[in-house]
N, C-alpha and C. Protein backbone atom coordinates (compact mmCIF):
# COMPACT_ATOMS: atom_id res chain seq x y z
N MET A 1 -31.21 -34.22 -55.56
CA MET A 1 -30.54 -33.39 -55.09
C MET A 1 -31.27 -32.20 -54.27
N GLU A 2 -32.83 -32.53 -53.89
CA GLU A 2 -33.66 -31.96 -52.80
C GLU A 2 -33.06 -32.42 -51.87
N ILE A 3 -32.95 -33.61 -51.86
CA ILE A 3 -32.73 -34.20 -50.24
C ILE A 3 -31.04 -33.11 -49.48
N LEU A 4 -30.37 -33.56 -50.54
CA LEU A 4 -29.23 -33.05 -50.43
C LEU A 4 -29.19 -31.40 -49.75
N GLU A 5 -30.39 -30.55 -50.58
CA GLU A 5 -30.38 -29.23 -50.07
C GLU A 5 -31.38 -29.04 -48.89
N PHE A 6 -32.37 -30.00 -48.30
CA PHE A 6 -32.90 -30.29 -47.35
C PHE A 6 -32.07 -30.27 -46.28
N LEU A 7 -31.22 -31.05 -46.40
CA LEU A 7 -29.81 -31.65 -45.12
C LEU A 7 -28.84 -30.72 -45.06
N LEU A 8 -28.41 -30.00 -45.70
CA LEU A 8 -27.57 -28.50 -45.86
C LEU A 8 -28.12 -27.58 -45.03
N ASN A 9 -29.65 -27.53 -45.06
CA ASN A 9 -30.28 -26.09 -44.96
C ASN A 9 -29.94 -26.15 -43.33
N ASP A 10 -29.65 -24.55 -42.83
CA ASP A 10 -28.95 -24.38 -41.38
C ASP A 10 -30.34 -24.81 -40.31
N ASP A 11 -31.33 -24.81 -40.42
CA ASP A 11 -32.38 -25.63 -39.60
C ASP A 11 -31.88 -27.20 -39.25
N GLN A 12 -31.61 -27.40 -40.27
CA GLN A 12 -31.96 -29.07 -40.45
C GLN A 12 -30.37 -29.83 -40.29
N ILE A 13 -29.33 -29.09 -39.75
CA ILE A 13 -27.65 -29.19 -39.95
C ILE A 13 -27.74 -30.33 -38.68
N PHE A 14 -28.28 -30.10 -37.48
CA PHE A 14 -28.12 -31.00 -36.12
C PHE A 14 -29.06 -31.87 -36.44
N THR A 15 -29.61 -32.51 -37.25
CA THR A 15 -30.47 -33.46 -37.99
C THR A 15 -29.09 -34.08 -38.68
N THR A 16 -28.81 -34.00 -40.05
CA THR A 16 -27.92 -34.22 -40.52
C THR A 16 -26.83 -34.74 -39.96
N ILE A 17 -26.36 -34.15 -38.98
CA ILE A 17 -25.01 -34.51 -38.10
C ILE A 17 -25.45 -35.66 -37.40
N THR A 18 -26.77 -36.02 -36.80
CA THR A 18 -27.17 -37.12 -35.60
C THR A 18 -27.73 -38.34 -36.95
N LEU A 19 -27.76 -37.89 -37.73
CA LEU A 19 -27.76 -38.87 -38.87
C LEU A 19 -26.45 -39.71 -39.03
N ALA A 20 -25.99 -39.06 -39.63
CA ALA A 20 -24.30 -39.20 -39.86
C ALA A 20 -24.02 -40.24 -38.83
N VAL A 21 -24.30 -39.52 -37.73
CA VAL A 21 -23.12 -40.22 -36.50
C VAL A 21 -24.03 -41.78 -36.11
N LEU A 22 -25.17 -41.61 -36.27
CA LEU A 22 -25.99 -42.74 -36.47
C LEU A 22 -25.53 -44.05 -37.20
N ILE A 23 -25.79 -43.26 -38.85
CA ILE A 23 -25.11 -44.10 -39.32
C ILE A 23 -23.74 -45.20 -39.35
N ALA A 24 -22.79 -44.21 -38.95
CA ALA A 24 -21.55 -44.32 -38.59
C ALA A 24 -21.27 -45.57 -37.75
N LEU A 25 -21.81 -45.03 -36.38
CA LEU A 25 -22.01 -45.82 -34.98
C LEU A 25 -23.14 -47.62 -35.48
N PHE A 26 -23.86 -47.29 -36.33
CA PHE A 26 -24.22 -48.94 -37.36
C PHE A 26 -23.25 -49.79 -38.12
N ILE A 27 -22.81 -48.73 -38.92
CA ILE A 27 -21.65 -49.70 -39.93
C ILE A 27 -20.11 -49.89 -38.79
N GLY A 28 -19.92 -49.23 -37.71
CA GLY A 28 -18.89 -49.68 -36.61
C GLY A 28 -19.32 -50.55 -36.09
N ASN A 29 -20.64 -50.78 -35.76
CA ASN A 29 -21.48 -52.20 -35.64
C ASN A 29 -21.14 -53.62 -35.86
N ILE A 30 -21.38 -52.98 -37.33
CA ILE A 30 -21.44 -54.38 -37.81
C ILE A 30 -19.66 -54.66 -38.00
N VAL A 31 -19.14 -53.81 -38.68
CA VAL A 31 -17.67 -54.21 -38.15
C VAL A 31 -17.36 -54.83 -37.83
N THR A 32 -17.24 -53.90 -36.68
CA THR A 32 -16.78 -54.82 -35.44
C THR A 32 -17.08 -56.57 -34.97
N ASP A 33 -18.48 -56.43 -35.56
CA ASP A 33 -19.36 -58.06 -34.88
C ASP A 33 -18.22 -58.68 -36.07
N LYS A 34 -18.31 -58.72 -37.27
CA LYS A 34 -17.72 -59.82 -38.14
C LYS A 34 -16.00 -59.76 -37.93
N LEU A 35 -15.56 -58.88 -37.36
CA LEU A 35 -13.97 -58.79 -36.72
C LEU A 35 -14.04 -59.99 -35.60
N LYS A 36 -15.14 -59.88 -34.57
CA LYS A 36 -15.03 -60.46 -33.13
C LYS A 36 -15.35 -62.04 -33.81
N LYS A 37 -16.21 -62.29 -34.96
CA LYS A 37 -16.39 -63.67 -35.24
C LYS A 37 -15.13 -64.50 -35.71
N TYR A 38 -14.26 -63.74 -36.74
CA TYR A 38 -13.01 -63.72 -37.16
C TYR A 38 -12.51 -64.00 -35.68
N GLU A 39 -11.99 -63.24 -34.99
CA GLU A 39 -11.50 -63.61 -33.74
C GLU A 39 -11.53 -65.20 -33.27
N ASP A 40 -13.03 -64.93 -33.17
CA ASP A 40 -13.21 -66.37 -32.01
C ASP A 40 -12.81 -67.58 -32.91
N VAL A 41 -13.23 -67.82 -34.30
CA VAL A 41 -12.71 -68.45 -35.28
C VAL A 41 -11.06 -69.02 -35.21
N ASP A 42 -10.20 -67.53 -35.29
CA ASP A 42 -8.88 -68.22 -34.76
C ASP A 42 -8.57 -68.55 -33.95
N ALA A 43 -9.35 -68.11 -32.60
CA ALA A 43 -8.95 -68.83 -31.27
C ALA A 43 -9.22 -70.14 -30.95
N ASN A 44 -10.54 -70.64 -31.69
CA ASN A 44 -10.63 -71.97 -31.64
C ASN A 44 -9.85 -72.92 -32.50
N GLY A 45 -9.33 -72.23 -33.60
CA GLY A 45 -8.23 -73.17 -34.58
C GLY A 45 -7.01 -72.75 -33.72
N ALA A 46 -6.59 -72.02 -32.81
CA ALA A 46 -5.19 -72.03 -32.09
C ALA A 46 -5.05 -73.17 -31.33
N ILE A 47 -6.33 -73.50 -30.91
CA ILE A 47 -6.65 -74.52 -29.50
C ILE A 47 -6.58 -75.99 -30.33
């Protein structure tokens, strides 16, 4: 719980938001990558 208290501290709110955004972008990249691979397979299968 100390981590939560540290992250929710007013001084750390900017750092917390930045971390959350970076993690969201990272997860988004992984998901997009997997979707692209499936699309490539589908396209090749259609031809």
